[in-house]
Amino acid sequence: MLIDDDRAISIEAAEVVKEIAYAVKFVEVSTVLPSESNLVYINMTTKENQDLCVELSLQGFRVVGTQYNDVNPQSDSRHYETIYSLLDSQSSEYRSTFCETLSHKLLNLQRNVDEDTSDDQMDTK
């Protein structure tokens, strides 16, 4: 299935919202600022209660404001290739949450492997 290029950025923004919801207090695609085929804005609040307006464009992600739906034309912030690298630079709590979540997932994976190994050993007896 081919994704319409005009909708690719909007689809990516919606996926970003789903992917980072666990690591921020609030996140949504802006319904106030205009979306274009190559530009979408995402509002979020970090776990430190810092409000951000993030631009997603073909150049990547960048903070353009410190309030929802606030685009500062003077913004000189850098572009990040991923939302994760942007969050890593903006939120120490994101780093902690990411590490904690990853650790839990790895522990669950190890438990599943251990259970499967235990079941296999019982089957061979």
PDB file of N, CA and C in Angstrom:
ATOM      1  N   MET A   1       0.841  -1.182   0.000  1.00  0.00           N
ATOM      2  CA  MET A   1       0.000   0.000   0.000  1.00  0.00           C
ATOM      3  C   MET A   1       0.887   1.245   0.000  1.00  0.00           C
ATOM      4  N   LEU A   2       0.642   2.157  -0.878  1.00  0.00           N
ATOM      5  CA  LEU A   2       1.393   3.398  -0.945  1.00  0.00           C
ATOM      6  C   LEU A   2       0.705   4.461  -0.102  1.00  0.00           C
ATOM      7  N   ILE A   3       1.509   5.181   0.655  1.00  0.00           N
ATOM      8  CA  ILE A   3       0.973   6.275   1.458  1.00  0.00           C
ATOM      9  C   ILE A   3       1.058   7.544   0.631  1.00  0.00           C
ATOM     10  N   ASP A   4      -0.026   8.257   0.573  1.00  0.00           N
ATOM     11  CA  ASP A   4      -0.072   9.537  -0.125  1.00  0.00           C
ATOM     12  C   ASP A   4       0.969  10.466   0.498  1.00  0.00           C
ATOM     13  N   ASP A   5       1.895  10.973  -0.307  1.00  0.00           N
ATOM     14  CA  ASP A   5       2.962  11.844   0.196  1.00  0.00           C
ATOM     15  C   ASP A   5       2.414  13.055   0.941  1.00  0.00           C
ATOM     16  N   ASP A   6       1.251  13.541   0.536  1.00  0.00           N
ATOM     17  CA  ASP A   6       0.655  14.703   1.193  1.00  0.00           C
ATOM     18  C   ASP A   6       0.224  14.398   2.624  1.00  0.00           C
ATOM     19  N   ARG A   7       0.055  13.137   2.947  1.00  0.00           N
ATOM     20  CA  ARG A   7      -0.403  12.756   4.281  1.00  0.00           C
ATOM     21  C   ARG A   7       0.697  12.128   5.123  1.00  0.00           C
ATOM     22  N   ALA A   8       1.860  11.873   4.549  1.00  0.00           N
ATOM     23  CA  ALA A   8       2.925  11.154   5.250  1.00  0.00           C
ATOM     24  C   ALA A   8       3.335  11.843   6.552  1.00  0.00           C
ATOM     25  N   ILE A   9       3.505  13.141   6.545  1.00  0.00           N
ATOM     26  CA  ILE A   9       3.915  13.873   7.754  1.00  0.00           C
ATOM     27  C   ILE A   9       2.815  13.798   8.811  1.00  0.00           C
ATOM     28  N   SER A  10       1.552  13.931   8.401  1.00  0.00           N
ATOM     29  CA  SER A  10       0.437  13.839   9.356  1.00  0.00           C
ATOM     30  C   SER A  10       0.369  12.459   9.987  1.00  0.00           C
ATOM     31  N   ILE A  11       0.582  11.439   9.186  1.00  0.00           N
ATOM     32  CA  ILE A  11       0.576  10.067   9.701  1.00  0.00           C
ATOM     33  C   ILE A  11       1.737   9.872  10.669  1.00  0.00           C
ATOM     34  N   GLU A  12       2.909  10.371  10.305  1.00  0.00           N
ATOM     35  CA  GLU A  12       4.062  10.255  11.201  1.00  0.00           C
ATOM     36  C   GLU A  12       3.800  10.976  12.517  1.00  0.00           C
ATOM     37  N   ALA A  13       3.194  12.151  12.464  1.00  0.00           N
ATOM     38  CA  ALA A  13       2.891  12.910  13.684  1.00  0.00           C
ATOM     39  C   ALA A  13       1.942  12.130  14.588  1.00  0.00           C
ATOM     40  N   ALA A  14       0.926  11.513  14.008  1.00  0.00           N
ATOM     41  CA  ALA A  14      -0.020  10.715  14.799  1.00  0.00           C
ATOM     42  C   ALA A  14       0.686   9.535  15.459  1.00  0.00           C
ATOM     43  N   GLU A  15       1.611   8.912  14.753  1.00  0.00           N
ATOM     44  CA  GLU A  15       2.378   7.795  15.314  1.00  0.00           C
ATOM     45  C   GLU A  15       3.300   8.271  16.432  1.00  0.00           C
ATOM     46  N   VAL A  16       3.895   9.430  16.258  1.00  0.00           N
ATOM     47  CA  VAL A  16       4.763  10.006  17.289  1.00  0.00           C
ATOM     48  C   VAL A  16       3.973  10.208  18.575  1.00  0.00           C
ATOM     49  N   VAL A  17       2.771  10.741  18.459  1.00  0.00           N
ATOM     50  CA  VAL A  17       1.923  10.964  19.631  1.00  0.00           C
ATOM     51  C   VAL A  17       1.705   9.652  20.377  1.00  0.00           C
ATOM     52  N   LYS A  18       1.394   8.583  19.655  1.00  0.00           N
ATOM     53  CA  LYS A  18       1.189   7.272  20.289  1.00  0.00           C
ATOM     54  C   LYS A  18       2.466   6.761  20.946  1.00  0.00           C
ATOM     55  N   GLU A  19       3.583   6.908  20.250  1.00  0.00           N
ATOM     56  CA  GLU A  19       4.847   6.341  20.718  1.00  0.00           C
ATOM     57  C   GLU A  19       5.395   7.016  21.967  1.00  0.00           C
ATOM     58  N   ILE A  20       5.175   8.310  22.130  1.00  0.00           N
ATOM     59  CA  ILE A  20       5.791   9.001  23.271  1.00  0.00           C
ATOM     60  C   ILE A  20       4.822   9.286  24.409  1.00  0.00           C
ATOM     61  N   ALA A  21       3.571   8.894  24.263  1.00  0.00           N
ATOM     62  CA  ALA A  21       2.560   9.207  25.283  1.00  0.00           C
ATOM     63  C   ALA A  21       2.965   8.707  26.673  1.00  0.00           C
ATOM     64  N   TYR A  22       3.665   7.578  26.738  1.00  0.00           N
ATOM     65  CA  TYR A  22       4.074   7.019  28.029  1.00  0.00           C
ATOM     66  C   TYR A  22       5.145   7.880  28.716  1.00  0.00           C
ATOM     67  N   ALA A  23       5.847   8.688  27.963  1.00  0.00           N
ATOM     68  CA  ALA A  23       7.034   9.372  28.478  1.00  0.00           C
ATOM     69  C   ALA A  23       6.852  10.871  28.698  1.00  0.00           C
ATOM     70  N   VAL A  24       5.652  11.375  28.428  1.00  0.00           N
ATOM     71  CA  VAL A  24       5.360  12.794  28.644  1.00  0.00           C
ATOM     72  C   VAL A  24       4.027  12.901  29.377  1.00  0.00           C
ATOM     73  N   LYS A  25       3.753  14.065  29.926  1.00  0.00           N
ATOM     74  CA  LYS A  25       2.470  14.259  30.621  1.00  0.00           C
ATOM     75  C   LYS A  25       1.319  14.434  29.648  1.00  0.00           C
ATOM     76  N   PHE A  26       1.596  15.076  28.522  1.00  0.00           N
ATOM     77  CA  PHE A  26       0.546  15.345  27.539  1.00  0.00           C
ATOM     78  C   PHE A  26       1.185  15.490  26.175  1.00  0.00           C
ATOM     79  N   VAL A  27       0.483  14.997  25.152  1.00  0.00           N
ATOM     80  CA  VAL A  27       0.957  15.176  23.777  1.00  0.00           C
ATOM     81  C   VAL A  27      -0.227  15.079  22.828  1.00  0.00           C
ATOM     82  N   GLU A  28      -0.250  15.967  21.827  1.00  0.00           N
ATOM     83  CA  GLU A  28      -1.287  15.933  20.803  1.00  0.00           C
ATOM     84  C   GLU A  28      -0.791  16.669  19.559  1.00  0.00           C
ATOM     85  N   VAL A  29      -1.344  16.290  18.425  1.00  0.00           N
ATOM     86  CA  VAL A  29      -1.104  17.059  17.206  1.00  0.00           C
ATOM     87  C   VAL A  29      -1.950  18.322  17.314  1.00  0.00           C
ATOM     88  N   SER A  30      -1.356  19.458  17.030  1.00  0.00           N
ATOM     89  CA  SER A  30      -2.077  20.730  17.132  1.00  0.00           C
ATOM     90  C   SER A  30      -3.258  20.759  16.168  1.00  0.00           C
ATOM     91  N   THR A  31      -4.396  21.174  16.703  1.00  0.00           N
ATOM     92  CA  THR A  31      -5.578  21.376  15.862  1.00  0.00           C
ATOM     93  C   THR A  31      -5.789  22.861  15.584  1.00  0.00           C
ATOM     94  N   VAL A  32      -4.941  23.697  16.172  1.00  0.00           N
ATOM     95  CA  VAL A  32      -5.048  25.147  15.999  1.00  0.00           C
ATOM     96  C   VAL A  32      -4.132  25.630  14.879  1.00  0.00           C
ATOM     97  N   LEU A  33      -2.893  25.178  14.909  1.00  0.00           N
ATOM     98  CA  LEU A  33      -1.935  25.598  13.885  1.00  0.00           C
ATOM     99  C   LEU A  33      -2.195  24.844  12.591  1.00  0.00           C
ATOM    100  N   PRO A  34      -1.984  25.490  11.468  1.00  0.00           N
ATOM    101  CA  PRO A  34      -2.259  24.829  10.185  1.00  0.00           C
ATOM    102  C   PRO A  34      -1.265  23.702   9.892  1.00  0.00           C
ATOM    103  N   SER A  35      -1.805  22.600   9.396  1.00  0.00           N
ATOM    104  CA  SER A  35      -0.963  21.491   8.932  1.00  0.00           C
ATOM    105  C   SER A  35      -0.829  21.607   7.429  1.00  0.00           C
ATOM    106  N   GLU A  36       0.336  21.287   6.957  1.00  0.00           N
ATOM    107  CA  GLU A  36       0.582  21.290   5.520  1.00  0.00           C
ATOM    108  C   GLU A  36       1.112  19.920   5.135  1.00  0.00           C
ATOM    109  N   SER A  37       1.305  19.709   3.854  1.00  0.00           N
ATOM    110  CA  SER A  37       1.775  18.403   3.398  1.00  0.00           C
ATOM    111  C   SER A  37       3.164  18.082   3.932  1.00  0.00           C
ATOM    112  N   ASN A  38       3.931  19.101   4.290  1.00  0.00           N
ATOM    113  CA  ASN A  38       5.289  18.856   4.769  1.00  0.00           C
ATOM    114  C   ASN A  38       5.570  19.505   6.126  1.00  0.00           C
ATOM    115  N   LEU A  39       4.504  19.822   6.886  1.00  0.00           N
ATOM    116  CA  LEU A  39       4.682  20.518   8.155  1.00  0.00           C
ATOM    117  C   LEU A  39       3.498  20.266   9.083  1.00  0.00           C
ATOM    118  N   VAL A  40       3.798  19.810  10.304  1.00  0.00           N
ATOM    119  CA  VAL A  40       2.779  19.565  11.321  1.00  0.00           C
ATOM    120  C   VAL A  40       3.352  20.030  12.657  1.00  0.00           C
ATOM    121  N   TYR A  41       2.486  20.476  13.545  1.00  0.00           N
ATOM    122  CA  TYR A  41       2.919  20.907  14.872  1.00  0.00           C
ATOM    123  C   TYR A  41       2.366  19.962  15.931  1.00  0.00           C
ATOM    124  N   ILE A  42       3.188  19.688  16.923  1.00  0.00           N
ATOM    125  CA  ILE A  42       2.824  18.804  18.027  1.00  0.00           C
ATOM    126  C   ILE A  42       2.992  19.587  19.322  1.00  0.00           C
ATOM    127  N   ASN A  43       1.943  19.587  20.151  1.00  0.00           N
ATOM    128  CA  ASN A  43       2.007  20.204  21.475  1.00  0.00           C
ATOM    129  C   ASN A  43       2.288  19.115  22.496  1.00  0.00           C
ATOM    130  N   MET A  44       3.161  19.415  23.449  1.00  0.00           N
ATOM    131  CA  MET A  44       3.432  18.434  24.497  1.00  0.00           C
ATOM    132  C   MET A  44       3.830  19.127  25.787  1.00  0.00           C
ATOM    133  N   THR A  45       3.647  18.386  26.874  1.00  0.00           N
ATOM    134  CA  THR A  45       4.133  18.806  28.179  1.00  0.00           C
ATOM    135  C   THR A  45       5.044  17.707  28.682  1.00  0.00           C
ATOM    136  N   THR A  46       6.275  18.064  28.994  1.00  0.00           N
ATOM    137  CA  THR A  46       7.220  17.074  29.502  1.00  0.00           C
ATOM    138  C   THR A  46       6.852  16.705  30.933  1.00  0.00           C
ATOM    139  N   LYS A  47       7.502  15.699  31.455  1.00  0.00           N
ATOM    140  CA  LYS A  47       7.254  15.301  32.842  1.00  0.00           C
ATOM    141  C   LYS A  47       7.710  16.369  33.827  1.00  0.00           C
ATOM    142  N   GLU A  48       8.530  17.298  33.364  1.00  0.00           N
ATOM    143  CA  GLU A  48       8.955  18.420  34.206  1.00  0.00           C
ATOM    144  C   GLU A  48       7.991  19.603  34.106  1.00  0.00           C
ATOM    145  N   ASN A  49       6.842  19.394  33.472  1.00  0.00           N
ATOM    146  CA  ASN A  49       5.817  20.434  33.269  1.00  0.00           C
ATOM    147  C   ASN A  49       6.263  21.551  32.336  1.00  0.00           C
ATOM    148  N   GLN A  50       7.130  21.233  31.412  1.00  0.00           N
ATOM    149  CA  GLN A  50       7.567  22.206  30.408  1.00  0.00           C
ATOM    150  C   GLN A  50       6.699  22.025  29.161  1.00  0.00           C
ATOM    151  N   ASP A  51       5.961  23.071  28.796  1.00  0.00           N
ATOM    152  CA  ASP A  51       5.151  23.031  27.576  1.00  0.00           C
ATOM    153  C   ASP A  51       6.040  23.310  26.375  1.00  0.00           C
ATOM    154  N   LEU A  52       5.802  22.561  25.305  1.00  0.00           N
ATOM    155  CA  LEU A  52       6.573  22.731  24.076  1.00  0.00           C
ATOM    156  C   LEU A  52       5.650  22.675  22.872  1.00  0.00           C
ATOM    157  N   CYS A  53       5.961  23.465  21.886  1.00  0.00           N
ATOM    158  CA  CYS A  53       5.350  23.337  20.574  1.00  0.00           C
ATOM    159  C   CYS A  53       6.476  22.857  19.661  1.00  0.00           C
ATOM    160  N   VAL A  54       6.277  21.692  19.073  1.00  0.00           N
ATOM    161  CA  VAL A  54       7.314  21.052  18.263  1.00  0.00           C
ATOM    162  C   VAL A  54       6.860  21.014  16.814  1.00  0.00           C
ATOM    163  N   GLU A  55       7.740  21.419  15.951  1.00  0.00           N
ATOM    164  CA  GLU A  55       7.490  21.379  14.509  1.00  0.00           C
ATOM    165  C   GLU A  55       8.048  20.071  13.958  1.00  0.00           C
ATOM    166  N   LEU A  56       7.249  19.384  13.159  1.00  0.00           N
ATOM    167  CA  LEU A  56       7.710  18.208  12.420  1.00  0.00           C
ATOM    168  C   LEU A  56       7.662  18.566  10.946  1.00  0.00           C
ATOM    169  N   SER A  57       8.821  18.529  10.314  1.00  0.00           N
ATOM    170  CA  SER A  57       8.914  18.850   8.890  1.00  0.00           C
ATOM    171  C   SER A  57       9.856  17.848   8.231  1.00  0.00           C
ATOM    172  N   LEU A  58      10.115  18.042   6.976  1.00  0.00           N
ATOM    173  CA  LEU A  58      11.036  17.160   6.270  1.00  0.00           C
ATOM    174  C   LEU A  58      12.450  17.252   6.839  1.00  0.00           C
ATOM    175  N   GLN A  59      12.767  18.346   7.529  1.00  0.00           N
ATOM    176  CA  GLN A  59      14.081  18.494   8.158  1.00  0.00           C
ATOM    177  C   GLN A  59      14.173  17.764   9.492  1.00  0.00           C
ATOM    178  N   GLY A  60      13.038  17.364  10.050  1.00  0.00           N
ATOM    179  CA  GLY A  60      13.024  16.662  11.327  1.00  0.00           C
ATOM    180  C   GLY A  60      12.141  17.366  12.339  1.00  0.00           C
ATOM    181  N   PHE A  61      12.487  17.197  13.606  1.00  0.00           N
ATOM    182  CA  PHE A  61      11.734  17.755  14.727  1.00  0.00           C
ATOM    183  C   PHE A  61      12.521  18.916  15.323  1.00  0.00           C
ATOM    184  N   ARG A  62      11.796  19.976  15.707  1.00  0.00           N
ATOM    185  CA  ARG A  62      12.462  21.059  16.433  1.00  0.00           C
ATOM    186  C   ARG A  62      11.456  21.803  17.295  1.00  0.00           C
ATOM    187  N   VAL A  63      11.936  22.290  18.424  1.00  0.00           N
ATOM    188  CA  VAL A  63      11.112  23.091  19.324  1.00  0.00           C
ATOM    189  C   VAL A  63      10.984  24.483  18.723  1.00  0.00           C
ATOM    190  N   VAL A  64       9.737  24.928  18.545  1.00  0.00           N
ATOM    191  CA  VAL A  64       9.502  26.263  17.979  1.00  0.00           C
ATOM    192  C   VAL A  64       8.796  27.194  18.958  1.00  0.00           C
ATOM    193  N   GLY A  65       8.398  26.665  20.115  1.00  0.00           N
ATOM    194  CA  GLY A  65       7.728  27.498  21.104  1.00  0.00           C
ATOM    195  C   GLY A  65       7.685  26.826  22.459  1.00  0.00           C
ATOM    196  N   THR A  66       7.456  27.622  23.495  1.00  0.00           N
ATOM    197  CA  THR A  66       7.397  27.095  24.858  1.00  0.00           C
ATOM    198  C   THR A  66       5.989  27.170  25.440  1.00  0.00           C
ATOM    199  N   GLN A  67       5.018  27.288  24.561  1.00  0.00           N
ATOM    200  CA  GLN A  67       3.603  27.203  24.907  1.00  0.00           C
ATOM    201  C   GLN A  67       2.924  26.443  23.779  1.00  0.00           C
ATOM    202  N   TYR A  68       1.777  25.848  24.085  1.00  0.00           N
ATOM    203  CA  TYR A  68       1.021  25.158  23.035  1.00  0.00           C
ATOM    204  C   TYR A  68       0.683  26.144  21.918  1.00  0.00           C
ATOM    205  N   ASN A  69       0.763  25.658  20.702  1.00  0.00           N
ATOM    206  CA  ASN A  69       0.371  26.425  19.515  1.00  0.00           C
ATOM    207  C   ASN A  69       1.114  27.756  19.396  1.00  0.00           C
ATOM    208  N   ASP A  70       2.313  27.800  19.930  1.00  0.00           N
ATOM    209  CA  ASP A  70       3.121  29.020  19.920  1.00  0.00           C
ATOM    210  C   ASP A  70       4.327  28.808  19.019  1.00  0.00           C
ATOM    211  N   VAL A  71       4.327  29.482  17.880  1.00  0.00           N
ATOM    212  CA  VAL A  71       5.458  29.391  16.962  1.00  0.00           C
ATOM    213  C   VAL A  71       6.205  30.713  17.014  1.00  0.00           C
ATOM    214  N   ASN A  72       7.415  30.645  17.504  1.00  0.00           N
ATOM    215  CA  ASN A  72       8.255  31.831  17.592  1.00  0.00           C
ATOM    216  C   ASN A  72       9.082  31.929  16.315  1.00  0.00           C
ATOM    217  N   PRO A  73       8.811  32.915  15.473  1.00  0.00           N
ATOM    218  CA  PRO A  73       9.554  33.035  14.217  1.00  0.00           C
ATOM    219  C   PRO A  73      11.050  33.255  14.441  1.00  0.00           C
ATOM    220  N   GLN A  74      11.421  33.695  15.627  1.00  0.00           N
ATOM    221  CA  GLN A  74      12.831  33.906  15.959  1.00  0.00           C
ATOM    222  C   GLN A  74      13.508  32.615  16.421  1.00  0.00           C
ATOM    223  N   SER A  75      12.726  31.553  16.539  1.00  0.00           N
ATOM    224  CA  SER A  75      13.265  30.291  17.049  1.00  0.00           C
ATOM    225  C   SER A  75      14.461  29.839  16.219  1.00  0.00           C
ATOM    226  N   ASP A  76      15.521  29.566  16.928  1.00  0.00           N
ATOM    227  CA  ASP A  76      16.749  29.142  16.268  1.00  0.00           C
ATOM    228  C   ASP A  76      17.154  27.760  16.778  1.00  0.00           C
ATOM    229  N   SER A  77      16.169  26.987  17.209  1.00  0.00           N
ATOM    230  CA  SER A  77      16.509  25.685  17.764  1.00  0.00           C
ATOM    231  C   SER A  77      16.906  24.718  16.653  1.00  0.00           C
ATOM    232  N   ARG A  78      17.689  23.751  17.029  1.00  0.00           N
ATOM    233  CA  ARG A  78      18.201  22.798  16.053  1.00  0.00           C
ATOM    234  C   ARG A  78      17.154  21.749  15.704  1.00  0.00           C
ATOM    235  N   HIS A  79      17.341  21.120  14.574  1.00  0.00           N
ATOM    236  CA  HIS A  79      16.480  20.019  14.147  1.00  0.00           C
ATOM    237  C   HIS A  79      17.043  18.705  14.681  1.00  0.00           C
ATOM    238  N   TYR A  80      16.142  17.821  15.062  1.00  0.00           N
ATOM    239  CA  TYR A  80      16.505  16.486  15.527  1.00  0.00           C
ATOM    240  C   TYR A  80      15.927  15.477  14.554  1.00  0.00           C
ATOM    241  N   GLU A  81      16.673  14.423  14.318  1.00  0.00           N
ATOM    242  CA  GLU A  81      16.225  13.403  13.377  1.00  0.00           C
ATOM    243  C   GLU A  81      15.026  12.632  13.912  1.00  0.00           C
ATOM    244  N   THR A  82      14.984  12.427  15.234  1.00  0.00           N
ATOM    245  CA  THR A  82      13.883  11.675  15.840  1.00  0.00           C
ATOM    246  C   THR A  82      13.284  12.459  17.005  1.00  0.00           C
ATOM    247  N   ILE A  83      12.056  12.122  17.340  1.00  0.00           N
ATOM    248  CA  ILE A  83      11.411  12.738  18.501  1.00  0.00           C
ATOM    249  C   ILE A  83      12.127  12.316  19.776  1.00  0.00           C
ATOM    250  N   TYR A  84      12.710  11.110  19.764  1.00  0.00           N
ATOM    251  CA  TYR A  84      13.413  10.605  20.944  1.00  0.00           C
ATOM    252  C   TYR A  84      14.654  11.443  21.245  1.00  0.00           C
ATOM    253  N   SER A  85      15.393  11.821  20.214  1.00  0.00           N
ATOM    254  CA  SER A  85      16.584  12.647  20.455  1.00  0.00           C
ATOM    255  C   SER A  85      16.182  14.053  20.908  1.00  0.00           C
ATOM    256  N   LEU A  86      15.080  14.569  20.394  1.00  0.00           N
ATOM    257  CA  LEU A  86      14.593  15.869  20.865  1.00  0.00           C
ATOM    258  C   LEU A  86      14.215  15.777  22.342  1.00  0.00           C
ATOM    259  N   LEU A  87      13.439  14.760  22.704  1.00  0.00           N
ATOM    260  CA  LEU A  87      13.033  14.596  24.100  1.00  0.00           C
ATOM    261  C   LEU A  87      14.236  14.370  25.006  1.00  0.00           C
ATOM    262  N   ASP A  88      15.201  13.620  24.522  1.00  0.00           N
ATOM    263  CA  ASP A  88      16.405  13.360  25.301  1.00  0.00           C
ATOM    264  C   ASP A  88      17.113  14.668  25.659  1.00  0.00           C
ATOM    265  N   SER A  89      17.074  15.628  24.755  1.00  0.00           N
ATOM    266  CA  SER A  89      17.736  16.913  25.008  1.00  0.00           C
ATOM    267  C   SER A  89      16.887  17.848  25.871  1.00  0.00           C
ATOM    268  N   GLN A  90      15.583  17.626  25.919  1.00  0.00           N
ATOM    269  CA  GLN A  90      14.674  18.547  26.611  1.00  0.00           C
ATOM    270  C   GLN A  90      14.220  18.067  27.987  1.00  0.00           C
ATOM    271  N   SER A  91      14.306  16.757  28.247  1.00  0.00           N
ATOM    272  CA  SER A  91      13.658  16.210  29.437  1.00  0.00           C
ATOM    273  C   SER A  91      14.488  15.094  30.073  1.00  0.00           C
ATOM    274  N   SER A  92      15.054  15.385  31.233  1.00  0.00           N
ATOM    275  CA  SER A  92      15.793  14.336  31.946  1.00  0.00           C
ATOM    276  C   SER A  92      14.836  13.245  32.427  1.00  0.00           C
ATOM    277  N   GLU A  93      13.602  13.617  32.732  1.00  0.00           N
ATOM    278  CA  GLU A  93      12.603  12.623  33.142  1.00  0.00           C
ATOM    279  C   GLU A  93      12.275  11.670  31.993  1.00  0.00           C
ATOM    280  N   TYR A  94      12.321  12.159  30.762  1.00  0.00           N
ATOM    281  CA  TYR A  94      12.122  11.274  29.614  1.00  0.00           C
ATOM    282  C   TYR A  94      13.186  10.188  29.617  1.00  0.00           C
ATOM    283  N   ARG A  95      14.439  10.573  29.837  1.00  0.00           N
ATOM    284  CA  ARG A  95      15.526   9.594  29.855  1.00  0.00           C
ATOM    285  C   ARG A  95      15.278   8.544  30.929  1.00  0.00           C
ATOM    286  N   SER A  96      14.871   8.978  32.116  1.00  0.00           N
ATOM    287  CA  SER A  96      14.597   8.046  33.212  1.00  0.00           C
ATOM    288  C   SER A  96      13.449   7.111  32.864  1.00  0.00           C
ATOM    289  N   THR A  97      12.376   7.679  32.336  1.00  0.00           N
ATOM    290  CA  THR A  97      11.209   6.875  31.967  1.00  0.00           C
ATOM    291  C   THR A  97      11.555   5.890  30.866  1.00  0.00           C
ATOM    292  N   PHE A  98      12.314   6.335  29.879  1.00  0.00           N
ATOM    293  CA  PHE A  98      12.717   5.459  28.783  1.00  0.00           C
ATOM    294  C   PHE A  98      13.536   4.290  29.320  1.00  0.00           C
ATOM    295  N   CYS A  99      14.525   4.582  30.173  1.00  0.00           N
ATOM    296  CA  CYS A  99      15.371   3.521  30.734  1.00  0.00           C
ATOM    297  C   CYS A  99      14.549   2.547  31.572  1.00  0.00           C
ATOM    298  N   GLU A 100      13.648   3.078  32.376  1.00  0.00           N
ATOM    299  CA  GLU A 100      12.803   2.242  33.225  1.00  0.00           C
ATOM    300  C   GLU A 100      11.888   1.348  32.382  1.00  0.00           C
ATOM    301  N   THR A 101      11.276   1.911  31.370  1.00  0.00           N
ATOM    302  CA  THR A 101      10.385   1.146  30.493  1.00  0.00           C
ATOM    303  C   THR A 101      11.154   0.065  29.746  1.00  0.00           C
ATOM    304  N   LEU A 102      12.316   0.411  29.235  1.00  0.00           N
ATOM    305  CA  LEU A 102      13.147  -0.563  28.536  1.00  0.00           C
ATOM    306  C   LEU A 102      13.564  -1.685  29.474  1.00  0.00           C
ATOM    307  N   SER A 103      13.941  -1.344  30.679  1.00  0.00           N
ATOM    308  CA  SER A 103      14.343  -2.336  31.667  1.00  0.00           C
ATOM    309  C   SER A 103      13.199  -3.307  31.973  1.00  0.00           C
ATOM    310  N   HIS A 104      11.985  -2.780  32.150  1.00  0.00           N
ATOM    311  CA  HIS A 104      10.817  -3.637  32.409  1.00  0.00           C
ATOM    312  C   HIS A 104      10.550  -4.571  31.228  1.00  0.00           C
ATOM    313  N   LYS A 105      10.651  -4.047  30.024  1.00  0.00           N
ATOM    314  CA  LYS A 105      10.413  -4.876  28.837  1.00  0.00           C
ATOM    315  C   LYS A 105      11.455  -5.981  28.723  1.00  0.00           C
ATOM    316  N   LEU A 106      12.702  -5.662  29.017  1.00  0.00           N
ATOM    317  CA  LEU A 106      13.756  -6.675  28.953  1.00  0.00           C
ATOM    318  C   LEU A 106      13.571  -7.739  30.028  1.00  0.00           C
ATOM    319  N   LEU A 107      13.160  -7.327  31.224  1.00  0.00           N
ATOM    320  CA  LEU A 107      12.886  -8.298  32.285  1.00  0.00           C
ATOM    321  C   LEU A 107      11.738  -9.221  31.897  1.00  0.00           C
ATOM    322  N   ASN A 108      10.677  -8.665  31.334  1.00  0.00           N
ATOM    323  CA  ASN A 108       9.550  -9.491  30.889  1.00  0.00           C
ATOM    324  C   ASN A 108       9.966 -10.448  29.786  1.00  0.00           C
ATOM    325  N   LEU A 109      10.788  -9.978  28.881  1.00  0.00           N
ATOM    326  CA  LEU A 109      11.294 -10.834  27.814  1.00  0.00           C
ATOM    327  C   LEU A 109      12.122 -11.973  28.396  1.00  0.00           C
ATOM    328  N   GLN A 110      12.978 -11.657  29.366  1.00  0.00           N
ATOM    329  CA  GLN A 110      13.798 -12.695  30.001  1.00  0.00           C
ATOM    330  C   GLN A 110      12.920 -13.710  30.720  1.00  0.00           C
ATOM    331  N   ARG A 111      11.878 -13.251  31.406  1.00  0.00           N
ATOM    332  CA  ARG A 111      10.956 -14.174  32.087  1.00  0.00           C
ATOM    333  C   ARG A 111      10.289 -15.111  31.082  1.00  0.00           C
ATOM    334  N   ASN A 112       9.864 -14.559  29.949  1.00  0.00           N
ATOM    335  CA  ASN A 112       9.235 -15.388  28.920  1.00  0.00           C
ATOM    336  C   ASN A 112      10.202 -16.423  28.376  1.00  0.00           C
ATOM    337  N   VAL A 113      11.448 -16.031  28.168  1.00  0.00           N
ATOM    338  CA  VAL A 113      12.466 -16.971  27.687  1.00  0.00           C
ATOM    339  C   VAL A 113      12.701 -18.049  28.733  1.00  0.00           C
ATOM    340  N   ASP A 114      12.799 -17.644  30.002  1.00  0.00           N
ATOM    341  CA  ASP A 114      13.007 -18.608  31.082  1.00  0.00           C
ATOM    342  C   ASP A 114      11.840 -19.584  31.179  1.00  0.00           C
ATOM    343  N   GLU A 115      10.605 -19.089  31.040  1.00  0.00           N
ATOM    344  CA  GLU A 115       9.427 -19.960  31.089  1.00  0.00           C
ATOM    345  C   GLU A 115       9.416 -20.927  29.917  1.00  0.00           C
ATOM    346  N   ASP A 116       9.747 -20.444  28.733  1.00  0.00           N
ATOM    347  CA  ASP A 116       9.795 -21.310  27.556  1.00  0.00           C
ATOM    348  C   ASP A 116      10.859 -22.381  27.716  1.00  0.00           C
ATOM    349  N   THR A 117      12.004 -22.013  28.259  1.00  0.00           N
ATOM    350  CA  THR A 117      13.085 -22.974  28.485  1.00  0.00           C
ATOM    351  C   THR A 117      12.653 -24.007  29.505  1.00  0.00           C
ATOM    352  N   SER A 118      11.985 -23.559  30.559  1.00  0.00           N
ATOM    353  CA  SER A 118      11.499 -24.464  31.594  1.00  0.00           C
ATOM    354  C   SER A 118      10.456 -25.422  31.022  1.00  0.00           C
ATOM    355  N   ASP A 119       9.546 -24.921  30.199  1.00  0.00           N
ATOM    356  CA  ASP A 119       8.533 -25.765  29.567  1.00  0.00           C
ATOM    357  C   ASP A 119       9.174 -26.788  28.642  1.00  0.00           C
ATOM    358  N   ASP A 120      10.183 -26.384  27.893  1.00  0.00           N
ATOM    359  CA  ASP A 120      10.882 -27.298  26.987  1.00  0.00           C
ATOM    360  C   ASP A 120      11.581 -28.400  27.766  1.00  0.00           C
ATOM    361  N   GLN A 121      12.163 -28.057  28.910  1.00  0.00           N
ATOM    362  CA  GLN A 121      12.850 -29.054  29.719  1.00  0.00           C
ATOM    363  C   GLN A 121      11.855 -30.050  30.290  1.00  0.00           C
ATOM    364  N   MET A 122      10.669 -29.607  30.665  1.00  0.00           N
ATOM    365  CA  MET A 122       9.643 -30.503  31.199  1.00  0.00           C
ATOM    366  C   MET A 122       9.129 -31.433  30.111  1.00  0.00           C
ATOM    367  N   ASP A 123       9.031 -30.936  28.887  1.00  0.00           N
ATOM    368  CA  ASP A 123       8.550 -31.745  27.776  1.00  0.00           C
ATOM    369  C   ASP A 123       9.515 -32.868  27.431  1.00  0.00           C
ATOM    370  N   THR A 124      10.787 -32.690  27.699  1.00  0.00           N
ATOM    371  CA  THR A 124      11.777 -33.707  27.346  1.00  0.00           C
ATOM    372  C   THR A 124      11.934 -34.747  28.432  1.00  0.00           C
ATOM    373  N   LYS A 125      11.317 -34.544  29.580  1.00  0.00           N
ATOM    374  CA  LYS A 125      11.420 -35.521  30.677  1.00  0.00           C
ATOM    375  C   LYS A 125      10.387 -36.593  30.544  1.00  0.00           C
TER     376      LYS A 125
END
